[in-house]
All heavy atoms as atom14 arrays in JSON, in Angstrom:
{
  "sequence": "RHLKIDPEAATRAANEKFTRRFRFIEQRLAGQGKTPAQSNLAEM",
  "atom14_mask": [
    [1, 1, 1, 1, 1, 1, 1, 1, 1, 1, 1, 0, 0, 0],
    [1, 1, 1, 1, 1, 1, 1, 1, 1, 1, 0, 0, 0, 0],
    [1, 1, 1, 1, 1, 1, 1, 1, 0, 0, 0, 0, 0, 0],
    [1, 1, 1, 1, 1, 1, 1, 1, 1, 0, 0, 0, 0, 0],
    [1, 1, 1, 1, 1, 1, 1, 1, 0, 0, 0, 0, 0, 0],
    [1, 1, 1, 1, 1, 1, 1, 1, 0, 0, 0, 0, 0, 0],
    [1, 1, 1, 1, 1, 1, 1, 0, 0, 0, 0, 0, 0, 0],
    [1, 1, 1, 1, 1, 1, 1, 1, 1, 0, 0, 0, 0, 0],
    [1, 1, 1, 1, 1, 0, 0, 0, 0, 0, 0, 0, 0, 0],
    [1, 1, 1, 1, 1, 0, 0, 0, 0, 0, 0, 0, 0, 0],
    [1, 1, 1, 1, 1, 1, 1, 0, 0, 0, 0, 0, 0, 0],
    [1, 1, 1, 1, 1, 1, 1, 1, 1, 1, 1, 0, 0, 0],
    [1, 1, 1, 1, 1, 0, 0, 0, 0, 0, 0, 0, 0, 0],
    [1, 1, 1, 1, 1, 0, 0, 0, 0, 0, 0, 0, 0, 0],
    [1, 1, 1, 1, 1, 1, 1, 1, 0, 0, 0, 0, 0, 0],
    [1, 1, 1, 1, 1, 1, 1, 1, 1, 0, 0, 0, 0, 0],
    [1, 1, 1, 1, 1, 1, 1, 1, 1, 0, 0, 0, 0, 0],
    [1, 1, 1, 1, 1, 1, 1, 1, 1, 1, 1, 0, 0, 0],
    [1, 1, 1, 1, 1, 1, 1, 0, 0, 0, 0, 0, 0, 0],
    [1, 1, 1, 1, 1, 1, 1, 1, 1, 1, 1, 0, 0, 0],
    [1, 1, 1, 1, 1, 1, 1, 1, 1, 1, 1, 0, 0, 0],
    [1, 1, 1, 1, 1, 1, 1, 1, 1, 1, 1, 0, 0, 0],
    [1, 1, 1, 1, 1, 1, 1, 1, 1, 1, 1, 0, 0, 0],
    [1, 1, 1, 1, 1, 1, 1, 1, 1, 1, 1, 0, 0, 0],
    [1, 1, 1, 1, 1, 1, 1, 1, 0, 0, 0, 0, 0, 0],
    [1, 1, 1, 1, 1, 1, 1, 1, 1, 0, 0, 0, 0, 0],
    [1, 1, 1, 1, 1, 1, 1, 1, 1, 0, 0, 0, 0, 0],
    [1, 1, 1, 1, 1, 1, 1, 1, 1, 1, 1, 0, 0, 0],
    [1, 1, 1, 1, 1, 1, 1, 1, 0, 0, 0, 0, 0, 0],
    [1, 1, 1, 1, 1, 0, 0, 0, 0, 0, 0, 0, 0, 0],
    [1, 1, 1, 1, 0, 0, 0, 0, 0, 0, 0, 0, 0, 0],
    [1, 1, 1, 1, 1, 1, 1, 1, 1, 0, 0, 0, 0, 0],
    [1, 1, 1, 1, 0, 0, 0, 0, 0, 0, 0, 0, 0, 0],
    [1, 1, 1, 1, 1, 1, 1, 1, 1, 0, 0, 0, 0, 0],
    [1, 1, 1, 1, 1, 1, 1, 0, 0, 0, 0, 0, 0, 0],
    [1, 1, 1, 1, 1, 1, 1, 0, 0, 0, 0, 0, 0, 0],
    [1, 1, 1, 1, 1, 0, 0, 0, 0, 0, 0, 0, 0, 0],
    [1, 1, 1, 1, 1, 1, 1, 1, 1, 0, 0, 0, 0, 0],
    [1, 1, 1, 1, 1, 1, 0, 0, 0, 0, 0, 0, 0, 0],
    [1, 1, 1, 1, 1, 1, 1, 1, 0, 0, 0, 0, 0, 0],
    [1, 1, 1, 1, 1, 1, 1, 1, 0, 0, 0, 0, 0, 0],
    [1, 1, 1, 1, 1, 0, 0, 0, 0, 0, 0, 0, 0, 0],
    [1, 1, 1, 1, 1, 1, 1, 1, 1, 0, 0, 0, 0, 0],
    [1, 1, 1, 1, 1, 1, 1, 1, 0, 0, 0, 0, 0, 0]
  ],
  "atom14_positions": [
    [[98.9, -84.46, 54.71], [97.86, -83.61, 54.16], [97.5, -82.56, 55.16], [97.38, -81.41, 54.79], [96.64, -84.54, 53.78], [95.44, -83.74, 53.22], [94.3, -84.79, 52.98], [93.76, -85.38, 54.15], [92.85, -84.81, 54.91], [92.35, -83.56, 54.73], [92.4, -85.41, 55.98], [0.0, 0.0, 0.0], [0.0, 0.0, 0.0], [0.0, 0.0, 0.0]],
    [[97.36, -82.93, 56.41], [97.04, -81.91, 57.43], [98.02, -80.84, 57.58], [97.7, -79.72, 57.92], [96.76, -82.65, 58.8], [95.42, -83.25, 58.92], [94.3, -82.55, 59.2], [95.06, -84.6, 58.72], [93.28, -83.46, 59.16], [93.67, -84.64, 58.95], [0.0, 0.0, 0.0], [0.0, 0.0, 0.0], [0.0, 0.0, 0.0], [0.0, 0.0, 0.0]],
    [[99.31, -81.21, 57.41], [100.36, -80.33, 57.57], [100.86, -79.7, 56.33], [101.88, -78.93, 56.28], [101.59, -80.98, 58.27], [101.27, -81.46, 59.71], [102.41, -82.23, 60.28], [100.87, -80.33, 60.65], [0.0, 0.0, 0.0], [0.0, 0.0, 0.0], [0.0, 0.0, 0.0], [0.0, 0.0, 0.0], [0.0, 0.0, 0.0], [0.0, 0.0, 0.0]],
    [[100.16, -79.91, 55.19], [100.47, -79.43, 53.85], [101.81, -79.72, 53.45], [102.56, -78.91, 52.94], [100.2, -77.86, 53.86], [98.78, -77.51, 54.3], [98.25, -76.27, 53.75], [96.88, -75.88, 54.17], [95.91, -76.83, 54.56], [0.0, 0.0, 0.0], [0.0, 0.0, 0.0], [0.0, 0.0, 0.0], [0.0, 0.0, 0.0], [0.0, 0.0, 0.0]],
    [[102.2, -80.94, 53.61], [103.53, -81.51, 53.2], [103.29, -82.46, 52.07], [102.29, -83.22, 52.02], [104.13, -82.35, 54.28], [104.51, -81.47, 55.51], [105.36, -83.08, 53.94], [104.86, -82.26, 56.76], [0.0, 0.0, 0.0], [0.0, 0.0, 0.0], [0.0, 0.0, 0.0], [0.0, 0.0, 0.0], [0.0, 0.0, 0.0], [0.0, 0.0, 0.0]],
    [[104.09, -82.28, 50.97], [104.0, -83.22, 49.88], [104.7, -84.49, 50.31], [105.92, -84.55, 50.37], [104.73, -82.6, 48.6], [104.67, -83.48, 47.38], [104.4, -84.68, 47.55], [105.04, -82.9, 46.29], [0.0, 0.0, 0.0], [0.0, 0.0, 0.0], [0.0, 0.0, 0.0], [0.0, 0.0, 0.0], [0.0, 0.0, 0.0], [0.0, 0.0, 0.0]],
    [[104.02, -85.6, 50.49], [104.65, -86.85, 50.92], [105.59, -87.4, 49.92], [106.65, -87.94, 50.37], [103.47, -87.78, 51.16], [102.31, -87.22, 50.57], [102.49, -85.73, 50.35], [0.0, 0.0, 0.0], [0.0, 0.0, 0.0], [0.0, 0.0, 0.0], [0.0, 0.0, 0.0], [0.0, 0.0, 0.0], [0.0, 0.0, 0.0], [0.0, 0.0, 0.0]],
    [[105.33, -87.26, 48.65], [106.39, -87.77, 47.63], [107.65, -86.89, 47.73], [108.75, -87.46, 47.71], [105.72, -87.81, 46.31], [104.65, -88.77, 46.12], [104.11, -88.78, 44.67], [104.89, -88.62, 43.73], [102.9, -88.95, 44.55], [0.0, 0.0, 0.0], [0.0, 0.0, 0.0], [0.0, 0.0, 0.0], [0.0, 0.0, 0.0], [0.0, 0.0, 0.0]],
    [[107.53, -85.64, 47.87], [108.73, -84.73, 48.0], [109.49, -85.07, 49.23], [110.72, -85.1, 49.14], [108.29, -83.27, 47.86], [0.0, 0.0, 0.0], [0.0, 0.0, 0.0], [0.0, 0.0, 0.0], [0.0, 0.0, 0.0], [0.0, 0.0, 0.0], [0.0, 0.0, 0.0], [0.0, 0.0, 0.0], [0.0, 0.0, 0.0], [0.0, 0.0, 0.0]],
    [[108.75, -85.26, 50.31], [109.4, -85.62, 51.52], [110.13, -86.99, 51.47], [111.25, -87.11, 52.0], [108.36, -85.68, 52.68], [0.0, 0.0, 0.0], [0.0, 0.0, 0.0], [0.0, 0.0, 0.0], [0.0, 0.0, 0.0], [0.0, 0.0, 0.0], [0.0, 0.0, 0.0], [0.0, 0.0, 0.0], [0.0, 0.0, 0.0], [0.0, 0.0, 0.0]],
    [[109.59, -87.96, 50.86], [110.17, -89.19, 50.67], [111.38, -89.11, 49.77], [112.43, -89.65, 50.06], [109.18, -90.25, 50.06], [108.05, -90.32, 50.91], [109.81, -91.63, 49.89], [0.0, 0.0, 0.0], [0.0, 0.0, 0.0], [0.0, 0.0, 0.0], [0.0, 0.0, 0.0], [0.0, 0.0, 0.0], [0.0, 0.0, 0.0], [0.0, 0.0, 0.0]],
    [[111.31, -88.33, 48.67], [112.45, -88.11, 47.79], [113.57, -87.51, 48.58], [114.74, -87.95, 48.48], [112.1, -87.27, 46.59], [111.49, -88.0, 45.55], [111.39, -87.11, 44.2], [110.66, -85.99, 44.37], [109.25, -85.95, 44.24], [108.58, -87.02, 44.01], [108.6, -84.83, 44.35], [0.0, 0.0, 0.0], [0.0, 0.0, 0.0], [0.0, 0.0, 0.0]],
    [[113.28, -86.52, 49.43], [114.39, -85.85, 50.2], [114.97, -86.87, 51.15], [116.24, -86.79, 51.39], [113.76, -84.57, 50.89], [0.0, 0.0, 0.0], [0.0, 0.0, 0.0], [0.0, 0.0, 0.0], [0.0, 0.0, 0.0], [0.0, 0.0, 0.0], [0.0, 0.0, 0.0], [0.0, 0.0, 0.0], [0.0, 0.0, 0.0], [0.0, 0.0, 0.0]],
    [[114.14, -87.57, 51.76], [114.66, -88.63, 52.77], [115.54, -89.62, 52.05], [116.65, -89.98, 52.5], [113.53, -89.3, 53.44], [0.0, 0.0, 0.0], [0.0, 0.0, 0.0], [0.0, 0.0, 0.0], [0.0, 0.0, 0.0], [0.0, 0.0, 0.0], [0.0, 0.0, 0.0], [0.0, 0.0, 0.0], [0.0, 0.0, 0.0], [0.0, 0.0, 0.0]],
    [[115.26, -90.04, 50.79], [116.04, -90.98, 50.05], [117.37, -90.35, 49.68], [118.43, -90.96, 49.71], [115.28, -91.41, 48.79], [114.25, -92.45, 49.06], [114.33, -93.2, 50.04], [113.26, -92.49, 48.21], [0.0, 0.0, 0.0], [0.0, 0.0, 0.0], [0.0, 0.0, 0.0], [0.0, 0.0, 0.0], [0.0, 0.0, 0.0], [0.0, 0.0, 0.0]],
    [[117.34, -89.03, 49.29], [118.55, -88.3, 48.99], [119.46, -88.16, 50.15], [120.72, -88.33, 50.04], [118.21, -86.96, 48.4], [117.63, -87.0, 47.07], [117.0, -85.67, 46.58], [117.16, -84.67, 47.2], [116.32, -85.7, 45.48], [0.0, 0.0, 0.0], [0.0, 0.0, 0.0], [0.0, 0.0, 0.0], [0.0, 0.0, 0.0], [0.0, 0.0, 0.0]],
    [[118.88, -87.93, 51.31], [119.61, -87.79, 52.5], [120.31, -89.1, 52.93], [121.53, -89.24, 53.18], [118.73, -87.25, 53.66], [119.51, -87.19, 54.96], [118.64, -86.48, 56.07], [117.4, -87.15, 56.35], [116.59, -86.54, 57.5], [0.0, 0.0, 0.0], [0.0, 0.0, 0.0], [0.0, 0.0, 0.0], [0.0, 0.0, 0.0], [0.0, 0.0, 0.0]],
    [[119.6, -90.23, 52.75], [120.12, -91.55, 53.01], [121.2, -91.89, 52.08], [122.27, -92.27, 52.47], [119.06, -92.58, 52.88], [119.58, -94.02, 53.01], [119.71, -94.61, 54.28], [119.99, -94.7, 51.84], [120.26, -95.87, 54.36], [120.48, -96.01, 52.03], [120.63, -96.54, 53.16], [0.0, 0.0, 0.0], [0.0, 0.0, 0.0], [0.0, 0.0, 0.0]],
    [[121.05, -91.59, 50.78], [122.08, -91.79, 49.82], [123.3, -91.02, 50.12], [124.47, -91.57, 50.04], [121.58, -91.49, 48.33], [120.43, -92.32, 48.11], [122.57, -91.71, 47.3], [0.0, 0.0, 0.0], [0.0, 0.0, 0.0], [0.0, 0.0, 0.0], [0.0, 0.0, 0.0], [0.0, 0.0, 0.0], [0.0, 0.0, 0.0], [0.0, 0.0, 0.0]],
    [[123.15, -89.68, 50.44], [124.32, -88.88, 50.76], [125.03, -89.5, 51.94], [126.32, -89.52, 51.91], [123.81, -87.52, 51.03], [124.78, -86.38, 51.08], [124.07, -84.96, 51.21], [123.12, -84.83, 52.22], [121.78, -84.61, 52.06], [121.34, -84.68, 50.78], [120.99, -84.51, 53.02], [0.0, 0.0, 0.0], [0.0, 0.0, 0.0], [0.0, 0.0, 0.0]],
    [[124.4, -89.84, 52.98], [125.05, -90.35, 54.21], [125.68, -91.72, 53.88], [126.75, -92.06, 54.39], [124.08, -90.39, 55.26], [123.65, -89.02, 55.84], [122.66, -89.17, 56.92], [122.22, -87.75, 57.32], [121.25, -87.52, 58.27], [120.67, -88.57, 58.86], [121.04, -86.34, 58.59], [0.0, 0.0, 0.0], [0.0, 0.0, 0.0], [0.0, 0.0, 0.0]],
    [[125.02, -92.54, 53.18], [125.59, -93.9, 52.83], [126.93, -93.76, 52.04], [127.79, -94.45, 52.18], [124.58, -94.8, 52.17], [125.02, -96.17, 52.34], [124.91, -96.97, 53.51], [125.72, -96.85, 51.31], [125.23, -98.21, 53.64], [126.08, -98.22, 51.3], [125.88, -98.83, 52.61], [0.0, 0.0, 0.0], [0.0, 0.0, 0.0], [0.0, 0.0, 0.0]],
    [[126.87, -92.75, 51.1], [128.1, -92.55, 50.31], [129.24, -92.06, 51.23], [130.37, -92.34, 50.96], [127.76, -91.44, 49.26], [127.05, -92.07, 48.01], [126.98, -91.05, 46.93], [126.15, -91.55, 45.86], [125.18, -90.96, 45.25], [124.96, -89.69, 45.53], [124.55, -91.48, 44.24], [0.0, 0.0, 0.0], [0.0, 0.0, 0.0], [0.0, 0.0, 0.0]],
    [[128.92, -91.24, 52.28], [129.92, -90.84, 53.15], [130.49, -92.04, 53.85], [131.68, -92.15, 54.0], [129.3, -89.87, 54.21], [130.25, -89.5, 55.32], [130.99, -88.32, 55.19], [130.25, -90.21, 56.53], [131.92, -88.0, 56.21], [131.1, -89.85, 57.53], [131.94, -88.69, 57.39], [0.0, 0.0, 0.0], [0.0, 0.0, 0.0], [0.0, 0.0, 0.0]],
    [[129.66, -93.04, 54.23], [130.08, -94.2, 54.93], [131.03, -94.98, 53.95], [132.16, -95.43, 54.35], [128.92, -95.08, 55.37], [128.18, -94.37, 56.55], [129.37, -96.48, 55.79], [126.8, -95.03, 56.92], [0.0, 0.0, 0.0], [0.0, 0.0, 0.0], [0.0, 0.0, 0.0], [0.0, 0.0, 0.0], [0.0, 0.0, 0.0], [0.0, 0.0, 0.0]],
    [[130.58, -95.12, 52.76], [131.37, -95.92, 51.76], [132.72, -95.22, 51.53], [133.75, -95.94, 51.5], [130.62, -95.94, 50.4], [129.46, -96.87, 50.43], [128.66, -96.91, 49.19], [128.46, -95.7, 48.57], [128.32, -97.91, 48.78], [0.0, 0.0, 0.0], [0.0, 0.0, 0.0], [0.0, 0.0, 0.0], [0.0, 0.0, 0.0], [0.0, 0.0, 0.0]],
    [[132.75, -93.89, 51.47], [134.03, -93.23, 51.2], [134.95, -93.35, 52.43], [136.17, -93.64, 52.28], [133.79, -91.74, 50.97], [133.09, -91.51, 49.6], [132.59, -90.06, 49.42], [132.64, -89.27, 50.34], [132.2, -89.75, 48.22], [0.0, 0.0, 0.0], [0.0, 0.0, 0.0], [0.0, 0.0, 0.0], [0.0, 0.0, 0.0], [0.0, 0.0, 0.0]],
    [[134.35, -93.18, 53.6], [135.28, -93.42, 54.86], [135.78, -94.82, 54.92], [136.98, -94.97, 55.28], [134.5, -93.05, 56.15], [134.15, -91.54, 56.19], [135.44, -90.64, 56.32], [136.22, -90.98, 57.54], [136.08, -90.5, 58.75], [135.14, -89.63, 58.93], [136.77, -90.98, 59.69], [0.0, 0.0, 0.0], [0.0, 0.0, 0.0], [0.0, 0.0, 0.0]],
    [[134.95, -95.78, 54.66], [135.38, -97.18, 54.72], [136.45, -97.5, 53.65], [137.41, -98.1, 53.9], [134.27, -98.19, 54.55], [133.29, -98.25, 55.71], [132.11, -99.06, 55.47], [134.02, -98.68, 57.08], [0.0, 0.0, 0.0], [0.0, 0.0, 0.0], [0.0, 0.0, 0.0], [0.0, 0.0, 0.0], [0.0, 0.0, 0.0], [0.0, 0.0, 0.0]],
    [[136.21, -96.82, 52.47], [137.2, -97.06, 51.39], [138.57, -96.47, 51.74], [139.59, -97.06, 51.36], [136.64, -96.44, 50.05], [0.0, 0.0, 0.0], [0.0, 0.0, 0.0], [0.0, 0.0, 0.0], [0.0, 0.0, 0.0], [0.0, 0.0, 0.0], [0.0, 0.0, 0.0], [0.0, 0.0, 0.0], [0.0, 0.0, 0.0], [0.0, 0.0, 0.0]],
    [[138.46, -95.42, 52.47], [139.71, -94.77, 52.96], [140.55, -95.78, 53.94], [141.72, -95.55, 54.09], [0.0, 0.0, 0.0], [0.0, 0.0, 0.0], [0.0, 0.0, 0.0], [0.0, 0.0, 0.0], [0.0, 0.0, 0.0], [0.0, 0.0, 0.0], [0.0, 0.0, 0.0], [0.0, 0.0, 0.0], [0.0, 0.0, 0.0], [0.0, 0.0, 0.0]],
    [[139.81, -96.68, 54.5], [140.39, -97.69, 55.33], [140.7, -99.01, 54.56], [140.99, -99.96, 55.24], [139.5, -97.87, 56.52], [139.18, -96.76, 57.4], [138.09, -97.02, 58.41], [137.8, -98.2, 58.78], [137.42, -95.98, 58.87], [0.0, 0.0, 0.0], [0.0, 0.0, 0.0], [0.0, 0.0, 0.0], [0.0, 0.0, 0.0], [0.0, 0.0, 0.0]],
    [[140.39, -98.94, 53.31], [140.56, -100.19, 52.55], [139.46, -101.2, 52.77], [139.72, -102.42, 52.5], [0.0, 0.0, 0.0], [0.0, 0.0, 0.0], [0.0, 0.0, 0.0], [0.0, 0.0, 0.0], [0.0, 0.0, 0.0], [0.0, 0.0, 0.0], [0.0, 0.0, 0.0], [0.0, 0.0, 0.0], [0.0, 0.0, 0.0], [0.0, 0.0, 0.0]],
    [[138.32, -100.74, 53.04], [137.17, -101.66, 53.39], [135.97, -101.33, 52.57], [135.85, -100.19, 52.1], [136.79, -101.47, 54.93], [137.88, -102.01, 55.85], [137.61, -101.61, 57.28], [136.51, -102.43, 57.86], [136.36, -102.06, 59.31], [0.0, 0.0, 0.0], [0.0, 0.0, 0.0], [0.0, 0.0, 0.0], [0.0, 0.0, 0.0], [0.0, 0.0, 0.0]],
    [[135.05, -102.29, 52.52], [133.75, -102.04, 51.9], [132.7, -102.14, 53.06], [132.97, -102.7, 54.1], [133.42, -103.19, 50.86], [133.26, -104.38, 51.5], [134.46, -103.19, 49.81], [0.0, 0.0, 0.0], [0.0, 0.0, 0.0], [0.0, 0.0, 0.0], [0.0, 0.0, 0.0], [0.0, 0.0, 0.0], [0.0, 0.0, 0.0], [0.0, 0.0, 0.0]],
    [[131.44, -101.81, 52.78], [130.46, -102.04, 53.81], [130.27, -103.48, 54.21], [130.1, -103.78, 55.36], [129.15, -101.47, 53.19], [129.61, -100.33, 52.25], [130.94, -100.96, 51.67], [0.0, 0.0, 0.0], [0.0, 0.0, 0.0], [0.0, 0.0, 0.0], [0.0, 0.0, 0.0], [0.0, 0.0, 0.0], [0.0, 0.0, 0.0], [0.0, 0.0, 0.0]],
    [[130.42, -104.38, 53.34], [130.35, -105.86, 53.65], [131.48, -106.25, 54.52], [131.26, -107.21, 55.25], [130.39, -106.67, 52.28], [0.0, 0.0, 0.0], [0.0, 0.0, 0.0], [0.0, 0.0, 0.0], [0.0, 0.0, 0.0], [0.0, 0.0, 0.0], [0.0, 0.0, 0.0], [0.0, 0.0, 0.0], [0.0, 0.0, 0.0], [0.0, 0.0, 0.0]],
    [[132.59, -105.51, 54.59], [133.65, -105.9, 55.36], [133.67, -105.13, 56.71], [134.5, -105.23, 57.57], [134.96, -105.59, 54.68], [135.22, -106.41, 53.44], [136.34, -105.86, 52.61], [136.51, -104.62, 52.51], [137.19, -106.74, 52.12], [0.0, 0.0, 0.0], [0.0, 0.0, 0.0], [0.0, 0.0, 0.0], [0.0, 0.0, 0.0], [0.0, 0.0, 0.0]],
    [[132.57, -104.37, 56.89], [132.37, -103.63, 58.13], [131.32, -104.26, 58.94], [130.78, -105.3, 58.65], [131.95, -102.16, 57.79], [131.79, -101.49, 58.93], [0.0, 0.0, 0.0], [0.0, 0.0, 0.0], [0.0, 0.0, 0.0], [0.0, 0.0, 0.0], [0.0, 0.0, 0.0], [0.0, 0.0, 0.0], [0.0, 0.0, 0.0], [0.0, 0.0, 0.0]],
    [[131.01, -103.64, 60.12], [129.9, -104.16, 60.94], [128.95, -102.98, 61.22], [129.19, -101.82, 60.94], [130.36, -104.76, 62.29], [131.16, -103.76, 63.12], [130.72, -102.65, 63.31], [132.4, -104.22, 63.48], [0.0, 0.0, 0.0], [0.0, 0.0, 0.0], [0.0, 0.0, 0.0], [0.0, 0.0, 0.0], [0.0, 0.0, 0.0], [0.0, 0.0, 0.0]],
    [[127.81, -103.35, 61.73], [126.72, -102.38, 62.02], [127.15, -101.2, 62.92], [126.86, -100.05, 62.68], [125.46, -103.06, 62.49], [124.19, -102.26, 62.59], [123.85, -101.52, 61.25], [123.08, -103.1, 63.07], [0.0, 0.0, 0.0], [0.0, 0.0, 0.0], [0.0, 0.0, 0.0], [0.0, 0.0, 0.0], [0.0, 0.0, 0.0], [0.0, 0.0, 0.0]],
    [[127.83, -101.62, 63.92], [128.29, -100.61, 64.86], [129.24, -99.61, 64.19], [129.11, -98.38, 64.5], [129.0, -101.32, 66.15], [0.0, 0.0, 0.0], [0.0, 0.0, 0.0], [0.0, 0.0, 0.0], [0.0, 0.0, 0.0], [0.0, 0.0, 0.0], [0.0, 0.0, 0.0], [0.0, 0.0, 0.0], [0.0, 0.0, 0.0], [0.0, 0.0, 0.0]],
    [[130.22, -100.05, 63.47], [131.1, -99.08, 62.77], [130.36, -98.25, 61.74], [130.57, -97.05, 61.7], [132.18, -100.03, 62.0], [133.19, -99.15, 61.31], [134.22, -100.0, 60.6], [133.99, -101.16, 60.28], [135.38, -99.46, 60.44], [0.0, 0.0, 0.0], [0.0, 0.0, 0.0], [0.0, 0.0, 0.0], [0.0, 0.0, 0.0], [0.0, 0.0, 0.0]],
    [[129.43, -98.86, 61.05], [128.68, -98.02, 60.03], [127.8, -97.09, 60.78], [127.6, -96.02, 60.26], [127.9, -98.94, 59.08], [128.89, -99.6, 58.07], [128.08, -100.4, 56.67], [127.22, -101.74, 57.46], [0.0, 0.0, 0.0], [0.0, 0.0, 0.0], [0.0, 0.0, 0.0], [0.0, 0.0, 0.0], [0.0, 0.0, 0.0], [0.0, 0.0, 0.0]]
  ]
}
């Protein structure tokens, strides 16, 4: 409110960024024949 930021819009943008980056992870792992469940936190 003090910085005149719409918190809902900021949250939506953060969710979109997370989704975009996680899709990148999924695609890269798929290229290695793996899923996120077959990976580890350090690799992801």
